[in-house]
Amino acid sequence: MRRLILALLMMFAVAGRAWGDALSFVYEQPPTTQPVLASMVPSDDEGVYPLPQPAGPGEGVNQGGVHVDVSAGYFNHYVYRGVDHSIGLSDKVGTFNTKASTFNFQIDSKLQFDLGKFPHPFVGLFADVYDADPVNRFQEVRPYYGAVWTVKPFTLEGGGNTYIYPDRENLNTAEYYTKLTLNDAFLFHSDKPLLSPYIYSAYDYDKNHGWYFEAGVSHDLALEDFGLTFTFKADVAYIVGYQQQFVFIDENHDTGFQHYDVGLLTAYSLNHLFNLNQRFGQFDLLGYITYTGKIEAELRANNVIWGGAGIRFMY
């Protein structure tokens, strides 16, 4: 019996030693060579997929369904579609003083409705005030309307302009227009468009029954550290049987290349200057300089350098 008990004790001792060696082998293995990424281990504060945080005080921009764009400024000339409205003959009171120092004051306001993936309708009003006009200081009032629809890489705009000349009702008219702009970023593999080429057409259906065509490009150069954006523009216009709806225009109906423009628009952000958050809107100081050149001699246009300065509010 004693021998049996001793044999059993020896067996347990050998088994215990073998089990201990096995455990020692398991726990003494070198660590795995595959590193554990810190991003794979969720912290106590956030999960694997952190939720977006809401905008804090002083952050955010207008993401509502209505947007406003208002600009106002003074210009040494009012040039529209190649014709200078600040000089010429009045249909009631003789000749303008072309050396007058009076500036044109212009205001343009636009209200646009954001409908998501659908076209965005808008309405607007443009007015030109010219103190040297002997007939009416409100030289032109132009209500307009339309819609903008972006189907990448194109932006399609269509609408109408109504031209109102106070005290010159015989010149009032209206037109429909369309504009197609190409976002050429995909062609140059860039984040922003390079030239944004566009074509524009307008048909006067009221008084003149003629066509106005325009093709152009523009390029934005943004210096974000200084709050500056330079926009370079160039365009050329062609008319077809178009007695243009200008205050000072002869009665000829002509066809051909009418004028071209080369210009620069400079925008300086007041938000950047005063450290003002865009939740209150975007404020810019604007500077304009453009050269308009006449192309065909028999068509009405002016060779003139014009420009000015103003302010813009967008929200």
C-alpha atoms as a PDB file:
ATOM      1  CA  MET A   1       0.000   0.000   0.000  1.00  0.00           C
ATOM      2  CA  ARG A   2       2.879   2.299   0.896  1.00  0.00           C
ATOM      3  CA  ARG A   3       4.506   1.579  -2.432  1.00  0.00           C
ATOM      4  CA  LEU A   4       1.263   2.397  -4.255  1.00  0.00           C
ATOM      5  CA  ILE A   5       0.963   5.763  -2.503  1.00  0.00           C
ATOM      6  CA  LEU A   6       4.596   6.647  -3.293  1.00  0.00           C
ATOM      7  CA  ALA A   7       4.113   5.714  -6.938  1.00  0.00           C
ATOM      8  CA  LEU A   8       1.038   7.964  -7.156  1.00  0.00           C
ATOM      9  CA  LEU A   9       2.905  10.888  -5.559  1.00  0.00           C
ATOM     10  CA  MET A  10       5.751  10.489  -8.040  1.00  0.00           C
ATOM     11  CA  MET A  11       3.294  10.474 -10.938  1.00  0.00           C
ATOM     12  CA  PHE A  12       1.623  13.692  -9.699  1.00  0.00           C
ATOM     13  CA  ALA A  13       5.026  15.334  -9.261  1.00  0.00           C
ATOM     14  CA  VAL A  14       6.096  14.470 -12.795  1.00  0.00           C
ATOM     15  CA  ALA A  15       2.747  15.638 -14.231  1.00  0.00           C
ATOM     16  CA  GLY A  16       2.919  18.914 -12.275  1.00  0.00           C
ATOM     17  CA  ARG A  17       6.426  19.597 -13.545  1.00  0.00           C
ATOM     18  CA  ALA A  18       5.370  18.908 -17.138  1.00  0.00           C
ATOM     19  CA  TRP A  19       2.317  21.217 -16.795  1.00  0.00           C
ATOM     20  CA  GLY A  20       4.494  23.968 -15.338  1.00  0.00           C
ATOM     21  CA  ASP A  21       6.958  23.661 -18.240  1.00  0.00           C
ATOM     22  CA  ALA A  22       4.080  23.912 -20.695  1.00  0.00           C
ATOM     23  CA  LEU A  23       2.725  27.062 -19.089  1.00  0.00           C
ATOM     24  CA  SER A  24       6.198  28.551 -18.977  1.00  0.00           C
ATOM     25  CA  PHE A  25       6.605  27.911 -22.711  1.00  0.00           C
ATOM     26  CA  VAL A  26       3.340  29.653 -23.481  1.00  0.00           C
ATOM     27  CA  TYR A  27       3.964  32.769 -21.404  1.00  0.00           C
ATOM     28  CA  GLU A  28       7.635  33.106 -22.317  1.00  0.00           C
ATOM     29  CA  GLN A  29       7.002  33.337 -26.089  1.00  0.00           C
ATOM     30  CA  PRO A  30       8.361  36.553 -27.686  1.00  0.00           C
ATOM     31  CA  PRO A  31       5.733  39.188 -28.529  1.00  0.00           C
ATOM     32  CA  THR A  32       4.221  39.207 -31.975  1.00  0.00           C
ATOM     33  CA  THR A  33       6.149  41.184 -34.606  1.00  0.00           C
ATOM     34  CA  GLN A  34       2.946  42.809 -35.976  1.00  0.00           C
ATOM     35  CA  PRO A  35       2.533  46.270 -34.369  1.00  0.00           C
ATOM     36  CA  VAL A  36      -0.760  47.276 -32.864  1.00  0.00           C
ATOM     37  CA  LEU A  37      -1.927  50.569 -34.333  1.00  0.00           C
ATOM     38  CA  ALA A  38      -3.017  53.164 -31.828  1.00  0.00           C
ATOM     39  CA  SER A  39      -5.911  54.118 -34.078  1.00  0.00           C
ATOM     40  CA  MET A  40      -7.214  50.545 -33.752  1.00  0.00           C
ATOM     41  CA  VAL A  41      -7.657  50.908 -30.033  1.00  0.00           C
ATOM     42  CA  PRO A  42     -10.640  53.055 -29.168  1.00  0.00           C
ATOM     43  CA  SER A  43     -10.102  55.588 -26.433  1.00  0.00           C
ATOM     44  CA  ASP A  44     -12.427  56.294 -23.557  1.00  0.00           C
ATOM     45  CA  ASP A  45     -13.533  59.584 -25.147  1.00  0.00           C
ATOM     46  CA  GLU A  46     -14.417  58.553 -28.661  1.00  0.00           C
ATOM     47  CA  GLY A  47     -15.406  55.461 -30.568  1.00  0.00           C
ATOM     48  CA  VAL A  48     -13.919  53.948 -33.673  1.00  0.00           C
ATOM     49  CA  TYR A  49     -16.125  56.246 -35.791  1.00  0.00           C
ATOM     50  CA  PRO A  50     -16.150  59.660 -34.062  1.00  0.00           C
ATOM     51  CA  LEU A  51     -19.302  61.674 -34.624  1.00  0.00           C
ATOM     52  CA  PRO A  52     -19.079  65.097 -36.285  1.00  0.00           C
ATOM     53  CA  GLN A  53     -19.212  67.919 -33.792  1.00  0.00           C
ATOM     54  CA  PRO A  54     -21.793  70.720 -34.102  1.00  0.00           C
ATOM     55  CA  ALA A  55     -20.594  74.205 -34.975  1.00  0.00           C
ATOM     56  CA  GLY A  56     -19.532  76.141 -31.915  1.00  0.00           C
ATOM     57  CA  PRO A  57     -20.266  79.764 -31.108  1.00  0.00           C
ATOM     58  CA  GLY A  58     -19.028  82.081 -33.837  1.00  0.00           C
ATOM     59  CA  GLU A  59     -18.720  79.298 -36.398  1.00  0.00           C
ATOM     60  CA  GLY A  60     -20.678  78.292 -39.478  1.00  0.00           C
ATOM     61  CA  VAL A  61     -22.103  80.069 -42.522  1.00  0.00           C
ATOM     62  CA  ASN A  62     -25.550  80.546 -43.983  1.00  0.00           C
ATOM     63  CA  GLN A  63     -26.763  77.074 -44.952  1.00  0.00           C
ATOM     64  CA  GLY A  64     -30.397  78.051 -45.252  1.00  0.00           C
ATOM     65  CA  GLY A  65     -32.594  78.126 -48.309  1.00  0.00           C
ATOM     66  CA  VAL A  66     -32.295  81.858 -49.067  1.00  0.00           C
ATOM     67  CA  HIS A  67     -29.124  83.742 -50.019  1.00  0.00           C
ATOM     68  CA  VAL A  68     -28.543  87.454 -50.521  1.00  0.00           C
ATOM     69  CA  ASP A  69     -25.926  89.174 -52.705  1.00  0.00           C
ATOM     70  CA  VAL A  70     -25.802  92.984 -52.653  1.00  0.00           C
ATOM     71  CA  SER A  71     -23.112  95.228 -54.143  1.00  0.00           C
ATOM     72  CA  ALA A  72     -22.828  98.992 -54.546  1.00  0.00           C
ATOM     73  CA  GLY A  73     -20.117 101.225 -55.953  1.00  0.00           C
ATOM     74  CA  TYR A  74     -19.027 104.276 -57.908  1.00  0.00           C
ATOM     75  CA  PHE A  75     -17.660 104.093 -61.463  1.00  0.00           C
ATOM     76  CA  ASN A  76     -16.120 106.658 -63.792  1.00  0.00           C
ATOM     77  CA  HIS A  77     -18.227 105.265 -66.680  1.00  0.00           C
ATOM     78  CA  TYR A  78     -21.196 102.977 -67.051  1.00  0.00           C
ATOM     79  CA  VAL A  79     -20.233 100.616 -69.858  1.00  0.00           C
ATOM     80  CA  TYR A  80     -22.688  97.861 -70.757  1.00  0.00           C
ATOM     81  CA  ARG A  81     -22.215  95.460 -73.661  1.00  0.00           C
ATOM     82  CA  GLY A  82     -19.550  97.643 -75.203  1.00  0.00           C
ATOM     83  CA  VAL A  83     -21.443 100.952 -75.131  1.00  0.00           C
ATOM     84  CA  ASP A  84     -20.653 103.806 -72.732  1.00  0.00           C
ATOM     85  CA  HIS A  85     -23.873 105.212 -71.274  1.00  0.00           C
ATOM     86  CA  SER A  86     -22.068 108.190 -69.769  1.00  0.00           C
ATOM     87  CA  ILE A  87     -21.502 109.912 -73.114  1.00  0.00           C
ATOM     88  CA  GLY A  88     -23.533 110.461 -76.278  1.00  0.00           C
ATOM     89  CA  LEU A  89     -26.703 112.237 -77.318  1.00  0.00           C
ATOM     90  CA  SER A  90     -29.842 112.536 -75.263  1.00  0.00           C
ATOM     91  CA  ASP A  91     -33.107 112.032 -77.144  1.00  0.00           C
ATOM     92  CA  LYS A  92     -34.538 115.109 -75.367  1.00  0.00           C
ATOM     93  CA  VAL A  93     -31.795 117.505 -74.269  1.00  0.00           C
ATOM     94  CA  GLY A  94     -28.824 117.940 -76.621  1.00  0.00           C
ATOM     95  CA  THR A  95     -25.308 116.717 -75.938  1.00  0.00           C
ATOM     96  CA  PHE A  96     -23.781 115.353 -72.746  1.00  0.00           C
ATOM     97  CA  ASN A  97     -20.735 117.007 -71.255  1.00  0.00           C
ATOM     98  CA  THR A  98     -18.222 114.221 -71.814  1.00  0.00           C
ATOM     99  CA  LYS A  99     -15.747 115.935 -69.449  1.00  0.00           C
ATOM    100  CA  ALA A 100     -18.160 115.873 -66.525  1.00  0.00           C
ATOM    101  CA  SER A 101     -16.547 114.571 -63.344  1.00  0.00           C
ATOM    102  CA  THR A 102     -19.763 113.043 -62.029  1.00  0.00           C
ATOM    103  CA  PHE A 103     -19.454 109.351 -61.263  1.00  0.00           C
ATOM    104  CA  ASN A 104     -22.031 106.674 -61.900  1.00  0.00           C
ATOM    105  CA  PHE A 105     -23.452 105.117 -58.754  1.00  0.00           C
ATOM    106  CA  GLN A 106     -24.591 101.527 -59.257  1.00  0.00           C
ATOM    107  CA  ILE A 107     -26.341  99.079 -57.001  1.00  0.00           C
ATOM    108  CA  ASP A 108     -27.096  95.442 -57.723  1.00  0.00           C
ATOM    109  CA  SER A 109     -29.136  93.237 -55.384  1.00  0.00           C
ATOM    110  CA  LYS A 110     -29.954  89.562 -55.835  1.00  0.00           C
ATOM    111  CA  LEU A 111     -32.076  87.086 -53.864  1.00  0.00           C
ATOM    112  CA  GLN A 112     -31.540  83.376 -54.588  1.00  0.00           C
ATOM    113  CA  PHE A 113     -33.421  80.331 -53.283  1.00  0.00           C
ATOM    114  CA  ASP A 114     -31.561  77.074 -52.676  1.00  0.00           C
ATOM    115  CA  LEU A 115     -33.668  74.077 -53.715  1.00  0.00           C
ATOM    116  CA  GLY A 116     -30.981  71.440 -53.357  1.00  0.00           C
ATOM    117  CA  LYS A 117     -30.515  69.362 -56.499  1.00  0.00           C
ATOM    118  CA  PHE A 118     -33.184  71.312 -58.349  1.00  0.00           C
ATOM    119  CA  PRO A 119     -32.582  74.608 -60.204  1.00  0.00           C
ATOM    120  CA  HIS A 120     -32.107  77.570 -57.879  1.00  0.00           C
ATOM    121  CA  PRO A 121     -34.447  80.448 -58.813  1.00  0.00           C
ATOM    122  CA  PHE A 122     -33.434  84.053 -58.205  1.00  0.00           C
ATOM    123  CA  VAL A 123     -34.712  87.602 -58.614  1.00  0.00           C
ATOM    124  CA  GLY A 124     -32.683  90.794 -58.695  1.00  0.00           C
ATOM    125  CA  LEU A 125     -32.626  94.512 -59.374  1.00  0.00           C
ATOM    126  CA  PHE A 126     -29.889  96.660 -60.939  1.00  0.00           C
ATOM    127  CA  ALA A 127     -29.936 100.464 -61.011  1.00  0.00           C
ATOM    128  CA  ASP A 128     -27.564 103.070 -62.448  1.00  0.00           C
ATOM    129  CA  VAL A 129     -27.666 106.646 -61.109  1.00  0.00           C
ATOM    130  CA  TYR A 130     -25.875 109.328 -63.140  1.00  0.00           C
ATOM    131  CA  ASP A 131     -26.090 112.901 -61.851  1.00  0.00           C
ATOM    132  CA  ALA A 132     -24.898 114.378 -65.178  1.00  0.00           C
ATOM    133  CA  ASP A 133     -27.823 112.897 -67.096  1.00  0.00           C
ATOM    134  CA  PRO A 134     -29.979 115.883 -68.187  1.00  0.00           C
ATOM    135  CA  VAL A 135     -33.153 113.787 -68.453  1.00  0.00           C
ATOM    136  CA  ASN A 136     -33.222 111.632 -65.328  1.00  0.00           C
ATOM    137  CA  ARG A 137     -30.584 110.791 -62.768  1.00  0.00           C
ATOM    138  CA  PHE A 138     -31.942 107.255 -62.628  1.00  0.00           C
ATOM    139  CA  GLN A 139     -30.536 106.455 -66.019  1.00  0.00           C
ATOM    140  CA  GLU A 140     -31.443 102.775 -66.010  1.00  0.00           C
ATOM    141  CA  VAL A 141     -33.423 100.395 -63.810  1.00  0.00           C
ATOM    142  CA  ARG A 142     -33.174  96.714 -64.684  1.00  0.00           C
ATOM    143  CA  PRO A 143     -35.201  94.042 -62.888  1.00  0.00           C
ATOM    144  CA  TYR A 144     -34.063  90.517 -63.708  1.00  0.00           C
ATOM    145  CA  TYR A 145     -34.994  86.957 -62.850  1.00  0.00           C
ATOM    146  CA  GLY A 146     -33.920  83.425 -63.631  1.00  0.00           C
ATOM    147  CA  ALA A 147     -32.597  80.144 -62.285  1.00  0.00           C
ATOM    148  CA  VAL A 148     -29.212  78.441 -61.939  1.00  0.00           C
ATOM    149  CA  TRP A 149     -28.768  74.692 -62.231  1.00  0.00           C
ATOM    150  CA  THR A 150     -25.454  72.882 -61.733  1.00  0.00           C
ATOM    151  CA  VAL A 151     -25.052  69.543 -63.476  1.00  0.00           C
ATOM    152  CA  LYS A 152     -21.329  68.863 -63.177  1.00  0.00           C
ATOM    153  CA  PRO A 153     -19.233  69.916 -64.950  1.00  0.00           C
ATOM    154  CA  PHE A 154     -21.725  72.457 -66.362  1.00  0.00           C
ATOM    155  CA  THR A 155     -23.652  75.316 -64.804  1.00  0.00           C
ATOM    156  CA  LEU A 156     -26.737  76.379 -66.754  1.00  0.00           C
ATOM    157  CA  GLU A 157     -28.390  79.740 -66.137  1.00  0.00           C
ATOM    158  CA  GLY A 158     -31.461  81.136 -67.806  1.00  0.00           C
ATOM    159  CA  GLY A 159     -33.794  84.033 -67.234  1.00  0.00           C
ATOM    160  CA  GLY A 160     -34.818  87.472 -68.398  1.00  0.00           C
ATOM    161  CA  ASN A 161     -33.847  91.156 -68.209  1.00  0.00           C
ATOM    162  CA  THR A 162     -36.275  94.066 -68.321  1.00  0.00           C
ATOM    163  CA  TYR A 163     -34.731  97.429 -69.295  1.00  0.00           C
ATOM    164  CA  ILE A 164     -36.471 100.510 -67.917  1.00  0.00           C
ATOM    165  CA  TYR A 165     -35.236 104.023 -68.795  1.00  0.00           C
ATOM    166  CA  PRO A 166     -37.175 106.609 -66.747  1.00  0.00           C
ATOM    167  CA  ASP A 167     -38.498 109.456 -68.924  1.00  0.00           C
ATOM    168  CA  ARG A 168     -37.348 107.556 -72.038  1.00  0.00           C
ATOM    169  CA  GLU A 169     -40.150 105.030 -72.207  1.00  0.00           C
ATOM    170  CA  ASN A 170     -39.743 104.608 -75.953  1.00  0.00           C
ATOM    171  CA  LEU A 171     -36.435 102.818 -75.254  1.00  0.00           C
ATOM    172  CA  ASN A 172     -37.819 100.312 -72.753  1.00  0.00           C
ATOM    173  CA  THR A 173     -37.492  96.684 -73.796  1.00  0.00           C
ATOM    174  CA  ALA A 174     -37.006  93.149 -72.483  1.00  0.00           C
ATOM    175  CA  GLU A 175     -35.085  89.995 -73.352  1.00  0.00           C
ATOM    176  CA  TYR A 176     -34.551  86.344 -72.508  1.00  0.00           C
ATOM    177  CA  TYR A 177     -31.052  85.010 -71.938  1.00  0.00           C
ATOM    178  CA  THR A 178     -29.138  81.777 -71.323  1.00  0.00           C
ATOM    179  CA  LYS A 179     -25.626  81.162 -70.054  1.00  0.00           C
ATOM    180  CA  LEU A 180     -23.619  77.921 -70.039  1.00  0.00           C
ATOM    181  CA  THR A 181     -20.409  77.719 -67.968  1.00  0.00           C
ATOM    182  CA  LEU A 182     -17.928  74.833 -67.953  1.00  0.00           C
ATOM    183  CA  ASN A 183     -16.076  73.858 -64.778  1.00  0.00           C
ATOM    184  CA  ASP A 184     -12.787  72.873 -66.411  1.00  0.00           C
ATOM    185  CA  ALA A 185     -11.152  71.593 -63.201  1.00  0.00           C
ATOM    186  CA  PHE A 186     -11.505  67.992 -64.380  1.00  0.00           C
ATOM    187  CA  LEU A 187      -9.554  68.785 -67.546  1.00  0.00           C
ATOM    188  CA  PHE A 188      -6.564  70.082 -65.589  1.00  0.00           C
ATOM    189  CA  HIS A 189      -6.926  67.685 -62.624  1.00  0.00           C
ATOM    190  CA  SER A 190      -7.189  70.613 -60.219  1.00  0.00           C
ATOM    191  CA  ASP A 191      -9.383  71.365 -57.222  1.00  0.00           C
ATOM    192  CA  LYS A 192     -10.673  74.634 -58.707  1.00  0.00           C
ATOM    193  CA  PRO A 193     -11.539  75.683 -62.267  1.00  0.00           C
ATOM    194  CA  LEU A 194      -8.805  77.335 -64.282  1.00  0.00           C
ATOM    195  CA  LEU A 195     -10.616  79.401 -66.937  1.00  0.00           C
ATOM    196  CA  SER A 196     -14.344  78.695 -66.429  1.00  0.00           C
ATOM    197  CA  PRO A 197     -15.205  79.278 -70.123  1.00  0.00           C
ATOM    198  CA  TYR A 198     -18.784  80.343 -70.834  1.00  0.00           C
ATOM    199  CA  ILE A 199     -21.136  81.246 -73.655  1.00  0.00           C
ATOM    200  CA  TYR A 200     -23.986  83.718 -73.265  1.00  0.00           C
ATOM    201  CA  SER A 201     -26.893  84.531 -75.553  1.00  0.00           C
ATOM    202  CA  ALA A 202     -29.769  87.006 -75.276  1.00  0.00           C
ATOM    203  CA  TYR A 203     -32.776  87.597 -77.506  1.00  0.00           C
ATOM    204  CA  ASP A 204     -34.691  90.886 -77.396  1.00  0.00           C
ATOM    205  CA  TYR A 205     -38.308  89.796 -77.822  1.00  0.00           C
ATOM    206  CA  ASP A 206     -39.931  93.140 -77.052  1.00  0.00           C
ATOM    207  CA  LYS A 207     -38.629  96.088 -79.066  1.00  0.00           C
ATOM    208  CA  ASN A 208     -35.548  95.216 -81.104  1.00  0.00           C
ATOM    209  CA  HIS A 209     -35.944  91.501 -82.001  1.00  0.00           C
ATOM    210  CA  GLY A 210     -32.223  90.876 -82.258  1.00  0.00           C
ATOM    211  CA  TRP A 211     -29.541  88.611 -80.774  1.00  0.00           C
ATOM    212  CA  TYR A 212     -26.567  89.306 -78.539  1.00  0.00           C
ATOM    213  CA  PHE A 213     -23.864  86.629 -78.125  1.00  0.00           C
ATOM    214  CA  GLU A 214     -20.877  86.646 -75.797  1.00  0.00           C
ATOM    215  CA  ALA A 215     -18.083  84.180 -75.012  1.00  0.00           C
ATOM    216  CA  GLY A 216     -15.523  84.618 -72.276  1.00  0.00           C
ATOM    217  CA  VAL A 217     -13.245  83.210 -69.608  1.00  0.00           C
ATOM    218  CA  SER A 218     -12.337  84.112 -66.037  1.00  0.00           C
ATOM    219  CA  HIS A 219      -9.705  82.999 -63.547  1.00  0.00           C
ATOM    220  CA  ASP A 220      -9.586  83.470 -59.766  1.00  0.00           C
ATOM    221  CA  LEU A 221      -6.256  83.943 -58.006  1.00  0.00           C
ATOM    222  CA  ALA A 222      -6.819  83.722 -54.247  1.00  0.00           C
ATOM    223  CA  LEU A 223      -4.238  84.885 -51.688  1.00  0.00           C
ATOM    224  CA  GLU A 224      -5.959  83.553 -48.598  1.00  0.00           C
ATOM    225  CA  ASP A 225      -3.263  84.702 -46.161  1.00  0.00           C
ATOM    226  CA  PHE A 226      -3.934  88.308 -47.221  1.00  0.00           C
ATOM    227  CA  GLY A 227      -7.707  88.037 -47.751  1.00  0.00           C
ATOM    228  CA  LEU A 228      -7.319  88.991 -51.425  1.00  0.00           C
ATOM    229  CA  THR A 229      -8.884  87.481 -54.542  1.00  0.00           C
ATOM    230  CA  PHE A 230      -7.988  88.642 -58.057  1.00  0.00           C
ATOM    231  CA  THR A 231     -10.402  87.716 -60.841  1.00  0.00           C
ATOM    232  CA  PHE A 232      -9.131  88.127 -64.403  1.00  0.00           C
ATOM    233  CA  LYS A 233     -11.799  88.353 -67.113  1.00  0.00           C
ATOM    234  CA  ALA A 234     -11.926  88.505 -70.890  1.00  0.00           C
ATOM    235  CA  ASP A 235     -14.818  88.268 -73.372  1.00  0.00           C
ATOM    236  CA  VAL A 236     -15.844  89.026 -76.932  1.00  0.00           C
ATOM    237  CA  ALA A 237     -19.335  89.873 -78.257  1.00  0.00           C
ATOM    238  CA  TYR A 238     -21.172  89.253 -81.520  1.00  0.00           C
ATOM    239  CA  ILE A 239     -24.554  90.757 -82.471  1.00  0.00           C
ATOM    240  CA  VAL A 240     -27.106  89.717 -85.076  1.00  0.00           C
ATOM    241  CA  GLY A 241     -29.586  92.319 -86.288  1.00  0.00           C
ATOM    242  CA  TYR A 242     -29.575  93.819 -82.827  1.00  0.00           C
ATOM    243  CA  GLN A 243     -30.641  97.390 -82.202  1.00  0.00           C
ATOM    244  CA  GLN A 244     -29.172  97.448 -78.719  1.00  0.00           C
ATOM    245  CA  GLN A 245     -31.285  98.579 -75.827  1.00  0.00           C
ATOM    246  CA  PHE A 246     -29.070 101.498 -74.838  1.00  0.00           C
ATOM    247  CA  VAL A 247     -30.029 105.046 -73.958  1.00  0.00           C
ATOM    248  CA  PHE A 248     -27.859 106.493 -76.715  1.00  0.00           C
ATOM    249  CA  ILE A 249     -28.022 104.414 -79.865  1.00  0.00           C
ATOM    250  CA  ASP A 250     -28.692 105.023 -83.521  1.00  0.00           C
ATOM    251  CA  GLU A 251     -31.370 103.267 -85.560  1.00  0.00           C
ATOM    252  CA  ASN A 252     -29.077 101.013 -87.574  1.00  0.00           C
ATOM    253  CA  HIS A 253     -29.489  97.239 -87.427  1.00  0.00           C
ATOM    254  CA  ASP A 254     -26.077  95.637 -87.847  1.00  0.00           C
ATOM    255  CA  THR A 255     -24.467  92.237 -87.555  1.00  0.00           C
ATOM    256  CA  GLY A 256     -20.901  91.346 -86.618  1.00  0.00           C
ATOM    257  CA  PHE A 257     -18.290  91.333 -83.866  1.00  0.00           C
ATOM    258  CA  GLN A 258     -19.085  94.342 -81.743  1.00  0.00           C
ATOM    259  CA  HIS A 259     -16.632  94.655 -78.825  1.00  0.00           C
ATOM    260  CA  TYR A 260     -14.260  92.883 -76.428  1.00  0.00           C
ATOM    261  CA  ASP A 261     -13.431  93.355 -72.729  1.00  0.00           C
ATOM    262  CA  VAL A 262     -10.303  92.674 -70.689  1.00  0.00           C
ATOM    263  CA  GLY A 263     -10.607  93.351 -66.986  1.00  0.00           C
ATOM    264  CA  LEU A 264      -9.573  92.693 -63.412  1.00  0.00           C
ATOM    265  CA  LEU A 265     -11.782  92.493 -60.319  1.00  0.00           C
ATOM    266  CA  THR A 266     -10.064  92.699 -56.920  1.00  0.00           C
ATOM    267  CA  ALA A 267     -11.893  91.627 -53.760  1.00  0.00           C
ATOM    268  CA  TYR A 268     -10.469  92.295 -50.289  1.00  0.00           C
ATOM    269  CA  SER A 269     -12.186  90.439 -47.449  1.00  0.00           C
ATOM    270  CA  LEU A 270     -13.307  92.641 -44.569  1.00  0.00           C
ATOM    271  CA  ASN A 271     -13.954  89.438 -42.621  1.00  0.00           C
ATOM    272  CA  HIS A 272     -10.218  88.787 -42.851  1.00  0.00           C
ATOM    273  CA  LEU A 273      -9.352  92.362 -41.858  1.00  0.00           C
ATOM    274  CA  PHE A 274     -11.590  92.489 -38.779  1.00  0.00           C
ATOM    275  CA  ASN A 275     -11.472  88.766 -37.974  1.00  0.00           C
ATOM    276  CA  LEU A 276     -15.218  88.616 -38.498  1.00  0.00           C
ATOM    277  CA  ASN A 277     -16.759  85.156 -38.732  1.00  0.00           C
ATOM    278  CA  GLN A 278     -18.734  84.387 -41.881  1.00  0.00           C
ATOM    279  CA  ARG A 279     -21.777  83.419 -39.843  1.00  0.00           C
ATOM    280  CA  PHE A 280     -22.573  87.137 -40.031  1.00  0.00           C
ATOM    281  CA  GLY A 281     -22.131  87.170 -43.825  1.00  0.00           C
ATOM    282  CA  GLN A 282     -19.249  87.891 -46.160  1.00  0.00           C
ATOM    283  CA  PHE A 283     -18.114  91.494 -46.622  1.00  0.00           C
ATOM    284  CA  ASP A 284     -15.710  92.526 -49.405  1.00  0.00           C
ATOM    285  CA  LEU A 285     -14.184  95.718 -50.706  1.00  0.00           C
ATOM    286  CA  LEU A 286     -14.185  95.647 -54.520  1.00  0.00           C
ATOM    287  CA  GLY A 287     -11.985  97.294 -57.111  1.00  0.00           C
ATOM    288  CA  TYR A 288     -12.680  97.220 -60.863  1.00  0.00           C
ATOM    289  CA  ILE A 289     -10.570  98.052 -63.898  1.00  0.00           C
ATOM    290  CA  THR A 290     -11.603  97.121 -67.471  1.00  0.00           C
ATOM    291  CA  TYR A 291     -10.684  98.046 -71.005  1.00  0.00           C
ATOM    292  CA  THR A 292     -13.477  97.857 -73.588  1.00  0.00           C
ATOM    293  CA  GLY A 293     -12.509  97.906 -77.250  1.00  0.00           C
ATOM    294  CA  LYS A 294     -14.534  98.371 -80.409  1.00  0.00           C
ATOM    295  CA  ILE A 295     -14.087  95.669 -83.066  1.00  0.00           C
ATOM    296  CA  GLU A 296     -16.018  96.509 -86.261  1.00  0.00           C
ATOM    297  CA  ALA A 297     -16.193 100.179 -87.209  1.00  0.00           C
ATOM    298  CA  GLU A 298     -19.819 100.146 -88.391  1.00  0.00           C
ATOM    299  CA  LEU A 299     -21.129  98.779 -85.089  1.00  0.00           C
ATOM    300  CA  ARG A 300     -21.855 100.913 -82.050  1.00  0.00           C
ATOM    301  CA  ALA A 301     -19.209 100.458 -79.313  1.00  0.00           C
ATOM    302  CA  ASN A 302     -16.641 102.532 -77.433  1.00  0.00           C
ATOM    303  CA  ASN A 303     -12.922 102.321 -76.735  1.00  0.00           C
ATOM    304  CA  VAL A 304     -12.735 103.185 -73.053  1.00  0.00           C
ATOM    305  CA  ILE A 305     -10.895 102.368 -69.829  1.00  0.00           C
ATOM    306  CA  TRP A 306     -13.363 102.274 -66.985  1.00  0.00           C
ATOM    307  CA  GLY A 307     -13.513 101.123 -63.410  1.00  0.00           C
ATOM    308  CA  GLY A 308     -14.381 102.010 -59.868  1.00  0.00           C
ATOM    309  CA  ALA A 309     -14.668 100.789 -56.298  1.00  0.00           C
ATOM    310  CA  GLY A 310     -17.435  99.424 -54.127  1.00  0.00           C
ATOM    311  CA  ILE A 311     -18.518  97.057 -51.391  1.00  0.00           C
ATOM    312  CA  ARG A 312     -20.325  93.708 -51.460  1.00  0.00           C
ATOM    313  CA  PHE A 313     -22.311  91.758 -48.898  1.00  0.00           C
ATOM    314  CA  MET A 314     -23.180  88.079 -49.360  1.00  0.00           C
ATOM    315  CA  TYR A 315     -25.094  85.867 -46.982  1.00  0.00           C
END
